[in-house]
Amino acid sequence: MWIRMTRVKMDAENREIARDLYNSGEVSGVISEHKGYRFHYLLENVDDDTESISITAWNTEADALSYESSGAYAELVGKFMALMTEPPVLSSYEVLE
């Protein structure tokens, strides 16, 4: 399984707006339609209300890269850009089973 984590920083007052957008069909619905999709979650830092992390899980690295190369990832990140105080940071991880 392949995990992608996108860390974002935003003003605390934008947290609820970002949460609602993330959980909407406009974002969650798009992510879940891609080949190899397993799940996604939004993590909100309990010690720093300006930080959140989006986690998406994919069957394979190729599935994750296909999602990114489709332009969907960039389009979805773009929906949050006005809320962010720093550029997002994307990291990828392989789950070893």
PDB file of N, CA and C in Angstrom:
ATOM      1  N   MET A   1       0.860  -1.173   0.000  1.00  0.00           N
ATOM      2  CA  MET A   1       0.000   0.000   0.000  1.00  0.00           C
ATOM      3  C   MET A   1       0.902   1.229   0.000  1.00  0.00           C
ATOM      4  N   TRP A   2       0.440   2.267  -0.665  1.00  0.00           N
ATOM      5  CA  TRP A   2       1.186   3.510  -0.817  1.00  0.00           C
ATOM      6  C   TRP A   2       0.405   4.634  -0.148  1.00  0.00           C
ATOM      7  N   ILE A   3       1.072   5.414   0.690  1.00  0.00           N
ATOM      8  CA  ILE A   3       0.449   6.526   1.424  1.00  0.00           C
ATOM      9  C   ILE A   3       1.050   7.838   0.954  1.00  0.00           C
ATOM     10  N   ARG A   4       0.186   8.807   0.735  1.00  0.00           N
ATOM     11  CA  ARG A   4       0.634  10.174   0.407  1.00  0.00           C
ATOM     12  C   ARG A   4       0.093  11.097   1.494  1.00  0.00           C
ATOM     13  N   MET A   5       0.978  11.925   2.024  1.00  0.00           N
ATOM     14  CA  MET A   5       0.590  12.869   3.070  1.00  0.00           C
ATOM     15  C   MET A   5       0.899  14.280   2.597  1.00  0.00           C
ATOM     16  N   THR A   6      -0.099  15.140   2.667  1.00  0.00           N
ATOM     17  CA  THR A   6       0.077  16.542   2.316  1.00  0.00           C
ATOM     18  C   THR A   6      -0.112  17.371   3.576  1.00  0.00           C
ATOM     19  N   ARG A   7       0.959  18.010   4.022  1.00  0.00           N
ATOM     20  CA  ARG A   7       0.922  18.865   5.210  1.00  0.00           C
ATOM     21  C   ARG A   7       0.630  20.288   4.777  1.00  0.00           C
ATOM     22  N   VAL A   8      -0.332  20.908   5.454  1.00  0.00           N
ATOM     23  CA  VAL A   8      -0.676  22.293   5.141  1.00  0.00           C
ATOM     24  C   VAL A   8      -0.695  23.130   6.419  1.00  0.00           C
ATOM     25  N   LYS A   9      -0.351  24.387   6.253  1.00  0.00           N
ATOM     26  CA  LYS A   9      -0.426  25.366   7.333  1.00  0.00           C
ATOM     27  C   LYS A   9      -1.414  26.440   6.905  1.00  0.00           C
ATOM     28  N   MET A  10      -2.263  26.855   7.834  1.00  0.00           N
ATOM     29  CA  MET A  10      -3.254  27.884   7.549  1.00  0.00           C
ATOM     30  C   MET A  10      -3.580  28.636   8.834  1.00  0.00           C
ATOM     31  N   ASP A  11      -4.212  29.773   8.689  1.00  0.00           N
ATOM     32  CA  ASP A  11      -4.682  30.493   9.865  1.00  0.00           C
ATOM     33  C   ASP A  11      -5.737  29.648  10.569  1.00  0.00           C
ATOM     34  N   ALA A  12      -5.717  29.652  11.887  1.00  0.00           N
ATOM     35  CA  ALA A  12      -6.628  28.816  12.675  1.00  0.00           C
ATOM     36  C   ALA A  12      -8.096  29.067  12.327  1.00  0.00           C
ATOM     37  N   GLU A  13      -8.437  30.302  11.991  1.00  0.00           N
ATOM     38  CA  GLU A  13      -9.847  30.604  11.689  1.00  0.00           C
ATOM     39  C   GLU A  13     -10.312  29.959  10.376  1.00  0.00           C
ATOM     40  N   ASN A  14      -9.376  29.459   9.576  1.00  0.00           N
ATOM     41  CA  ASN A  14      -9.744  28.787   8.321  1.00  0.00           C
ATOM     42  C   ASN A  14      -9.888  27.274   8.467  1.00  0.00           C
ATOM     43  N   ARG A  15      -9.619  26.755   9.645  1.00  0.00           N
ATOM     44  CA  ARG A  15      -9.634  25.305   9.859  1.00  0.00           C
ATOM     45  C   ARG A  15     -10.988  24.683   9.552  1.00  0.00           C
ATOM     46  N   GLU A  16     -12.046  25.267  10.039  1.00  0.00           N
ATOM     47  CA  GLU A  16     -13.389  24.709   9.806  1.00  0.00           C
ATOM     48  C   GLU A  16     -13.774  24.789   8.328  1.00  0.00           C
ATOM     49  N   ILE A  17     -13.410  25.878   7.677  1.00  0.00           N
ATOM     50  CA  ILE A  17     -13.674  26.023   6.235  1.00  0.00           C
ATOM     51  C   ILE A  17     -12.950  24.919   5.470  1.00  0.00           C
ATOM     52  N   ALA A  18     -11.672  24.693   5.814  1.00  0.00           N
ATOM     53  CA  ALA A  18     -10.878  23.655   5.147  1.00  0.00           C
ATOM     54  C   ALA A  18     -11.468  22.272   5.418  1.00  0.00           C
ATOM     55  N   ARG A  19     -11.884  22.020   6.643  1.00  0.00           N
ATOM     56  CA  ARG A  19     -12.485  20.728   6.997  1.00  0.00           C
ATOM     57  C   ARG A  19     -13.751  20.482   6.190  1.00  0.00           C
ATOM     58  N   ASP A  20     -14.615  21.470   6.112  1.00  0.00           N
ATOM     59  CA  ASP A  20     -15.864  21.314   5.356  1.00  0.00           C
ATOM     60  C   ASP A  20     -15.588  21.072   3.872  1.00  0.00           C
ATOM     61  N   LEU A  21     -14.624  21.795   3.313  1.00  0.00           N
ATOM     62  CA  LEU A  21     -14.267  21.615   1.909  1.00  0.00           C
ATOM     63  C   LEU A  21     -13.688  20.222   1.674  1.00  0.00           C
ATOM     64  N   TYR A  22     -12.780  19.785   2.545  1.00  0.00           N
ATOM     65  CA  TYR A  22     -12.149  18.478   2.411  1.00  0.00           C
ATOM     66  C   TYR A  22     -13.193  17.359   2.420  1.00  0.00           C
ATOM     67  N   ASN A  23     -14.168  17.470   3.293  1.00  0.00           N
ATOM     68  CA  ASN A  23     -15.184  16.424   3.443  1.00  0.00           C
ATOM     69  C   ASN A  23     -16.318  16.531   2.428  1.00  0.00           C
ATOM     70  N   SER A  24     -16.295  17.543   1.597  1.00  0.00           N
ATOM     71  CA  SER A  24     -17.353  17.719   0.596  1.00  0.00           C
ATOM     72  C   SER A  24     -17.137  16.783  -0.589  1.00  0.00           C
ATOM     73  N   GLY A  25     -18.181  16.575  -1.347  1.00  0.00           N
ATOM     74  CA  GLY A  25     -18.076  15.793  -2.573  1.00  0.00           C
ATOM     75  C   GLY A  25     -17.126  16.426  -3.565  1.00  0.00           C
ATOM     76  N   GLU A  26     -16.965  17.725  -3.460  1.00  0.00           N
ATOM     77  CA  GLU A  26     -16.077  18.476  -4.354  1.00  0.00           C
ATOM     78  C   GLU A  26     -14.615  18.047  -4.201  1.00  0.00           C
ATOM     79  N   VAL A  27     -14.252  17.562  -3.015  1.00  0.00           N
ATOM     80  CA  VAL A  27     -12.880  17.096  -2.778  1.00  0.00           C
ATOM     81  C   VAL A  27     -12.884  15.586  -2.534  1.00  0.00           C
ATOM     82  N   SER A  28     -13.545  15.136  -1.471  1.00  0.00           N
ATOM     83  CA  SER A  28     -13.560  13.713  -1.148  1.00  0.00           C
ATOM     84  C   SER A  28     -14.126  12.864  -2.275  1.00  0.00           C
ATOM     85  N   GLY A  29     -15.152  13.369  -2.927  1.00  0.00           N
ATOM     86  CA  GLY A  29     -15.742  12.632  -4.034  1.00  0.00           C
ATOM     87  C   GLY A  29     -14.791  12.447  -5.193  1.00  0.00           C
ATOM     88  N   VAL A  30     -13.958  13.439  -5.454  1.00  0.00           N
ATOM     89  CA  VAL A  30     -12.992  13.361  -6.557  1.00  0.00           C
ATOM     90  C   VAL A  30     -11.883  12.363  -6.218  1.00  0.00           C
ATOM     91  N   ILE A  31     -11.361  12.433  -5.002  1.00  0.00           N
ATOM     92  CA  ILE A  31     -10.270  11.532  -4.608  1.00  0.00           C
ATOM     93  C   ILE A  31     -10.715  10.077  -4.740  1.00  0.00           C
ATOM     94  N   SER A  32     -11.881   9.768  -4.207  1.00  0.00           N
ATOM     95  CA  SER A  32     -12.328   8.376  -4.130  1.00  0.00           C
ATOM     96  C   SER A  32     -12.669   7.750  -5.476  1.00  0.00           C
ATOM     97  N   GLU A  33     -12.764   8.539  -6.523  1.00  0.00           N
ATOM     98  CA  GLU A  33     -13.100   8.010  -7.846  1.00  0.00           C
ATOM     99  C   GLU A  33     -11.894   7.447  -8.594  1.00  0.00           C
ATOM    100  N   HIS A  34     -10.688   7.657  -8.094  1.00  0.00           N
ATOM    101  CA  HIS A  34      -9.489   7.270  -8.837  1.00  0.00           C
ATOM    102  C   HIS A  34      -9.117   5.810  -8.612  1.00  0.00           C
ATOM    103  N   LYS A  35      -8.564   5.211  -9.639  1.00  0.00           N
ATOM    104  CA  LYS A  35      -8.148   3.808  -9.615  1.00  0.00           C
ATOM    105  C   LYS A  35      -7.144   3.581  -8.483  1.00  0.00           C
ATOM    106  N   GLY A  36      -7.344   2.516  -7.746  1.00  0.00           N
ATOM    107  CA  GLY A  36      -6.420   2.143  -6.687  1.00  0.00           C
ATOM    108  C   GLY A  36      -6.644   2.844  -5.362  1.00  0.00           C
ATOM    109  N   TYR A  37      -7.659   3.706  -5.302  1.00  0.00           N
ATOM    110  CA  TYR A  37      -7.970   4.443  -4.068  1.00  0.00           C
ATOM    111  C   TYR A  37      -8.355   3.456  -2.962  1.00  0.00           C
ATOM    112  N   ARG A  38      -7.853   3.681  -1.749  1.00  0.00           N
ATOM    113  CA  ARG A  38      -8.222   2.858  -0.596  1.00  0.00           C
ATOM    114  C   ARG A  38      -8.988   3.672   0.457  1.00  0.00           C
ATOM    115  N   PHE A  39      -8.410   4.793   0.874  1.00  0.00           N
ATOM    116  CA  PHE A  39      -9.085   5.650   1.857  1.00  0.00           C
ATOM    117  C   PHE A  39      -8.380   6.991   1.918  1.00  0.00           C
ATOM    118  N   HIS A  40      -9.024   7.949   2.576  1.00  0.00           N
ATOM    119  CA  HIS A  40      -8.383   9.239   2.846  1.00  0.00           C
ATOM    120  C   HIS A  40      -8.914   9.785   4.163  1.00  0.00           C
ATOM    121  N   TYR A  41      -8.070  10.529   4.843  1.00  0.00           N
ATOM    122  CA  TYR A  41      -8.420  11.144   6.122  1.00  0.00           C
ATOM    123  C   TYR A  41      -7.797  12.531   6.205  1.00  0.00           C
ATOM    124  N   LEU A  42      -8.447  13.389   6.951  1.00  0.00           N
ATOM    125  CA  LEU A  42      -7.886  14.690   7.291  1.00  0.00           C
ATOM    126  C   LEU A  42      -7.503  14.650   8.758  1.00  0.00           C
ATOM    127  N   LEU A  43      -6.228  14.889   9.048  1.00  0.00           N
ATOM    128  CA  LEU A  43      -5.739  14.943  10.419  1.00  0.00           C
ATOM    129  C   LEU A  43      -5.567  16.403  10.803  1.00  0.00           C
ATOM    130  N   GLU A  44      -6.077  16.768  11.969  1.00  0.00           N
ATOM    131  CA  GLU A  44      -5.912  18.122  12.485  1.00  0.00           C
ATOM    132  C   GLU A  44      -5.030  18.048  13.720  1.00  0.00           C
ATOM    133  N   ASN A  45      -3.936  18.770  13.697  1.00  0.00           N
ATOM    134  CA  ASN A  45      -2.978  18.769  14.798  1.00  0.00           C
ATOM    135  C   ASN A  45      -3.654  19.306  16.055  1.00  0.00           C
ATOM    136  N   VAL A  46      -3.623  18.527  17.137  1.00  0.00           N
ATOM    137  CA  VAL A  46      -4.284  18.945  18.385  1.00  0.00           C
ATOM    138  C   VAL A  46      -3.448  19.952  19.174  1.00  0.00           C
ATOM    139  N   ASP A  47      -2.159  20.045  18.857  1.00  0.00           N
ATOM    140  CA  ASP A  47      -1.280  20.982  19.557  1.00  0.00           C
ATOM    141  C   ASP A  47      -1.018  22.257  18.770  1.00  0.00           C
ATOM    142  N   ASP A  48      -1.377  22.253  17.497  1.00  0.00           N
ATOM    143  CA  ASP A  48      -1.123  23.402  16.620  1.00  0.00           C
ATOM    144  C   ASP A  48      -2.315  23.533  15.673  1.00  0.00           C
ATOM    145  N   ASP A  49      -3.223  24.426  15.992  1.00  0.00           N
ATOM    146  CA  ASP A  49      -4.458  24.530  15.195  1.00  0.00           C
ATOM    147  C   ASP A  49      -4.258  25.219  13.847  1.00  0.00           C
ATOM    148  N   THR A  50      -2.998  25.415  13.464  1.00  0.00           N
ATOM    149  CA  THR A  50      -2.706  25.957  12.134  1.00  0.00           C
ATOM    150  C   THR A  50      -2.200  24.868  11.183  1.00  0.00           C
ATOM    151  N   GLU A  51      -2.086  23.630  11.673  1.00  0.00           N
ATOM    152  CA  GLU A  51      -1.539  22.550  10.851  1.00  0.00           C
ATOM    153  C   GLU A  51      -2.554  21.420  10.665  1.00  0.00           C
ATOM    154  N   SER A  52      -2.653  20.949   9.429  1.00  0.00           N
ATOM    155  CA  SER A  52      -3.465  19.779   9.094  1.00  0.00           C
ATOM    156  C   SER A  52      -2.694  18.929   8.101  1.00  0.00           C
ATOM    157  N   ILE A  53      -3.050  17.647   8.060  1.00  0.00           N
ATOM    158  CA  ILE A  53      -2.430  16.717   7.117  1.00  0.00           C
ATOM    159  C   ILE A  53      -3.532  15.911   6.439  1.00  0.00           C
ATOM    160  N   SER A  54      -3.468  15.865   5.125  1.00  0.00           N
ATOM    161  CA  SER A  54      -4.347  14.996   4.352  1.00  0.00           C
ATOM    162  C   SER A  54      -3.590  13.713   4.049  1.00  0.00           C
ATOM    163  N   ILE A  55      -4.209  12.585   4.374  1.00  0.00           N
ATOM    164  CA  ILE A  55      -3.615  11.283   4.078  1.00  0.00           C
ATOM    165  C   ILE A  55      -4.492  10.594   3.043  1.00  0.00           C
ATOM    166  N   THR A  56      -3.864  10.126   1.959  1.00  0.00           N
ATOM    167  CA  THR A  56      -4.569   9.297   0.990  1.00  0.00           C
ATOM    168  C   THR A  56      -3.817   7.980   0.875  1.00  0.00           C
ATOM    169  N   ALA A  57      -4.550   6.887   0.732  1.00  0.00           N
ATOM    170  CA  ALA A  57      -3.938   5.569   0.603  1.00  0.00           C
ATOM    171  C   ALA A  57      -4.320   4.959  -0.736  1.00  0.00           C
ATOM    172  N   TRP A  58      -3.329   4.314  -1.356  1.00  0.00           N
ATOM    173  CA  TRP A  58      -3.473   3.754  -2.698  1.00  0.00           C
ATOM    174  C   TRP A  58      -2.962   2.326  -2.704  1.00  0.00           C
ATOM    175  N   ASN A  59      -3.508   1.512  -3.584  1.00  0.00           N
ATOM    176  CA  ASN A  59      -3.057   0.123  -3.685  1.00  0.00           C
ATOM    177  C   ASN A  59      -1.581   0.041  -4.035  1.00  0.00           C
ATOM    178  N   THR A  60      -1.136   0.886  -4.969  1.00  0.00           N
ATOM    179  CA  THR A  60       0.248   0.837  -5.441  1.00  0.00           C
ATOM    180  C   THR A  60       0.792   2.250  -5.634  1.00  0.00           C
ATOM    181  N   GLU A  61       2.099   2.328  -5.755  1.00  0.00           N
ATOM    182  CA  GLU A  61       2.723   3.608  -6.073  1.00  0.00           C
ATOM    183  C   GLU A  61       2.223   4.116  -7.425  1.00  0.00           C
ATOM    184  N   ALA A  62       2.066   3.200  -8.378  1.00  0.00           N
ATOM    185  CA  ALA A  62       1.586   3.590  -9.710  1.00  0.00           C
ATOM    186  C   ALA A  62       0.202   4.226  -9.635  1.00  0.00           C
ATOM    187  N   ASP A  63      -0.671   3.710  -8.766  1.00  0.00           N
ATOM    188  CA  ASP A  63      -2.003   4.304  -8.607  1.00  0.00           C
ATOM    189  C   ASP A  63      -1.898   5.729  -8.070  1.00  0.00           C
ATOM    190  N   ALA A  64      -1.030   5.933  -7.079  1.00  0.00           N
ATOM    191  CA  ALA A  64      -0.845   7.271  -6.499  1.00  0.00           C
ATOM    192  C   ALA A  64      -0.285   8.233  -7.532  1.00  0.00           C
ATOM    193  N   LEU A  65       0.688   7.767  -8.311  1.00  0.00           N
ATOM    194  CA  LEU A  65       1.284   8.623  -9.337  1.00  0.00           C
ATOM    195  C   LEU A  65       0.294   8.920 -10.459  1.00  0.00           C
ATOM    196  N   SER A  66      -0.560   7.965 -10.775  1.00  0.00           N
ATOM    197  CA  SER A  66      -1.582   8.181 -11.795  1.00  0.00           C
ATOM    198  C   SER A  66      -2.565   9.259 -11.337  1.00  0.00           C
ATOM    199  N   TYR A  67      -2.956   9.199 -10.076  1.00  0.00           N
ATOM    200  CA  TYR A  67      -3.838  10.226  -9.499  1.00  0.00           C
ATOM    201  C   TYR A  67      -3.187  11.604  -9.621  1.00  0.00           C
ATOM    202  N   GLU A  68      -1.909  11.690  -9.259  1.00  0.00           N
ATOM    203  CA  GLU A  68      -1.209  12.973  -9.328  1.00  0.00           C
ATOM    204  C   GLU A  68      -1.067  13.452 -10.774  1.00  0.00           C
ATOM    205  N   SER A  69      -0.685  12.560 -11.669  1.00  0.00           N
ATOM    206  CA  SER A  69      -0.456  12.972 -13.060  1.00  0.00           C
ATOM    207  C   SER A  69      -1.746  13.298 -13.796  1.00  0.00           C
ATOM    208  N   SER A  70      -2.875  12.862 -13.250  1.00  0.00           N
ATOM    209  CA  SER A  70      -4.165  13.188 -13.867  1.00  0.00           C
ATOM    210  C   SER A  70      -4.501  14.673 -13.731  1.00  0.00           C
ATOM    211  N   GLY A  71      -3.804  15.367 -12.829  1.00  0.00           N
ATOM    212  CA  GLY A  71      -4.079  16.774 -12.566  1.00  0.00           C
ATOM    213  C   GLY A  71      -5.060  16.981 -11.424  1.00  0.00           C
ATOM    214  N   ALA A  72      -5.686  15.895 -10.962  1.00  0.00           N
ATOM    215  CA  ALA A  72      -6.684  16.015  -9.886  1.00  0.00           C
ATOM    216  C   ALA A  72      -6.055  16.517  -8.588  1.00  0.00           C
ATOM    217  N   TYR A  73      -4.867  16.000  -8.246  1.00  0.00           N
ATOM    218  CA  TYR A  73      -4.215  16.434  -7.010  1.00  0.00           C
ATOM    219  C   TYR A  73      -3.966  17.945  -7.033  1.00  0.00           C
ATOM    220  N   ALA A  74      -3.376  18.438  -8.114  1.00  0.00           N
ATOM    221  CA  ALA A  74      -3.083  19.876  -8.221  1.00  0.00           C
ATOM    222  C   ALA A  74      -4.367  20.698  -8.182  1.00  0.00           C
ATOM    223  N   GLU A  75      -5.398  20.208  -8.824  1.00  0.00           N
ATOM    224  CA  GLU A  75      -6.674  20.931  -8.825  1.00  0.00           C
ATOM    225  C   GLU A  75      -7.259  21.008  -7.416  1.00  0.00           C
ATOM    226  N   LEU A  76      -7.192  19.897  -6.683  1.00  0.00           N
ATOM    227  CA  LEU A  76      -7.744  19.886  -5.330  1.00  0.00           C
ATOM    228  C   LEU A  76      -6.923  20.750  -4.386  1.00  0.00           C
ATOM    229  N   VAL A  77      -5.608  20.685  -4.480  1.00  0.00           N
ATOM    230  CA  VAL A  77      -4.758  21.549  -3.658  1.00  0.00           C
ATOM    231  C   VAL A  77      -5.075  23.014  -3.952  1.00  0.00           C
ATOM    232  N   GLY A  78      -5.328  23.317  -5.204  1.00  0.00           N
ATOM    233  CA  GLY A  78      -5.664  24.683  -5.598  1.00  0.00           C
ATOM    234  C   GLY A  78      -6.894  25.226  -4.897  1.00  0.00           C
ATOM    235  N   LYS A  79      -7.823  24.347  -4.572  1.00  0.00           N
ATOM    236  CA  LYS A  79      -9.044  24.773  -3.871  1.00  0.00           C
ATOM    237  C   LYS A  79      -8.741  25.287  -2.458  1.00  0.00           C
ATOM    238  N   PHE A  80      -7.598  24.883  -1.907  1.00  0.00           N
ATOM    239  CA  PHE A  80      -7.226  25.265  -0.545  1.00  0.00           C
ATOM    240  C   PHE A  80      -6.188  26.386  -0.491  1.00  0.00           C
ATOM    241  N   MET A  81      -5.616  26.755  -1.629  1.00  0.00           N
ATOM    242  CA  MET A  81      -4.497  27.695  -1.634  1.00  0.00           C
ATOM    243  C   MET A  81      -4.809  29.017  -0.938  1.00  0.00           C
ATOM    244  N   ALA A  82      -6.015  29.533  -1.118  1.00  0.00           N
ATOM    245  CA  ALA A  82      -6.362  30.816  -0.492  1.00  0.00           C
ATOM    246  C   ALA A  82      -6.426  30.714   1.033  1.00  0.00           C
ATOM    247  N   LEU A  83      -6.538  29.494   1.556  1.00  0.00           N
ATOM    248  CA  LEU A  83      -6.611  29.287   3.002  1.00  0.00           C
ATOM    249  C   LEU A  83      -5.233  29.073   3.623  1.00  0.00           C
ATOM    250  N   MET A  84      -4.236  28.730   2.814  1.00  0.00           N
ATOM    251  CA  MET A  84      -2.915  28.353   3.311  1.00  0.00           C
ATOM    252  C   MET A  84      -2.019  29.567   3.569  1.00  0.00           C
ATOM    253  N   THR A  85      -1.162  29.413   4.574  1.00  0.00           N
ATOM    254  CA  THR A  85      -0.177  30.443   4.878  1.00  0.00           C
ATOM    255  C   THR A  85       1.215  30.047   4.389  1.00  0.00           C
ATOM    256  N   GLU A  86       1.377  28.788   3.980  1.00  0.00           N
ATOM    257  CA  GLU A  86       2.631  28.272   3.435  1.00  0.00           C
ATOM    258  C   GLU A  86       2.284  27.302   2.312  1.00  0.00           C
ATOM    259  N   PRO A  87       3.204  27.056   1.404  1.00  0.00           N
ATOM    260  CA  PRO A  87       2.949  26.047   0.377  1.00  0.00           C
ATOM    261  C   PRO A  87       2.791  24.660   1.022  1.00  0.00           C
ATOM    262  N   PRO A  88       1.960  23.807   0.452  1.00  0.00           N
ATOM    263  CA  PRO A  88       1.796  22.462   1.003  1.00  0.00           C
ATOM    264  C   PRO A  88       3.065  21.637   0.798  1.00  0.00           C
ATOM    265  N   VAL A  89       3.249  20.649   1.677  1.00  0.00           N
ATOM    266  CA  VAL A  89       4.399  19.748   1.581  1.00  0.00           C
ATOM    267  C   VAL A  89       3.880  18.336   1.381  1.00  0.00           C
ATOM    268  N   LEU A  90       4.254  17.715   0.265  1.00  0.00           N
ATOM    269  CA  LEU A  90       3.799  16.361  -0.069  1.00  0.00           C
ATOM    270  C   LEU A  90       4.906  15.354   0.219  1.00  0.00           C
ATOM    271  N   SER A  91       4.541  14.264   0.905  1.00  0.00           N
ATOM    272  CA  SER A  91       5.463  13.164   1.179  1.00  0.00           C
ATOM    273  C   SER A  91       4.777  11.863   0.828  1.00  0.00           C
ATOM    274  N   SER A  92       5.568  10.866   0.423  1.00  0.00           N
ATOM    275  CA  SER A  92       5.020   9.554   0.079  1.00  0.00           C
ATOM    276  C   SER A  92       5.683   8.498   0.945  1.00  0.00           C
ATOM    277  N   TYR A  93       4.903   7.453   1.276  1.00  0.00           N
ATOM    278  CA  TYR A  93       5.386   6.374   2.140  1.00  0.00           C
ATOM    279  C   TYR A  93       4.873   5.049   1.623  1.00  0.00           C
ATOM    280  N   GLU A  94       5.696   4.040   1.741  1.00  0.00           N
ATOM    281  CA  GLU A  94       5.268   2.688   1.414  1.00  0.00           C
ATOM    282  C   GLU A  94       4.950   1.965   2.730  1.00  0.00           C
ATOM    283  N   VAL A  95       3.806   1.293   2.780  1.00  0.00           N
ATOM    284  CA  VAL A  95       3.442   0.490   3.930  1.00  0.00           C
ATOM    285  C   VAL A  95       3.992  -0.909   3.688  1.00  0.00           C
ATOM    286  N   LEU A  96       4.880  -1.348   4.543  1.00  0.00           N
ATOM    287  CA  LEU A  96       5.490  -2.662   4.408  1.00  0.00           C
ATOM    288  C   LEU A  96       4.684  -3.677   5.206  1.00  0.00           C
ATOM    289  N   GLU A  97       4.196  -4.654   4.518  1.00  0.00           N
ATOM    290  CA  GLU A  97       3.356  -5.660   5.191  1.00  0.00           C
ATOM    291  C   GLU A  97       4.052  -6.988   5.216  1.00  0.00           C
TER     292      GLU A  97
END
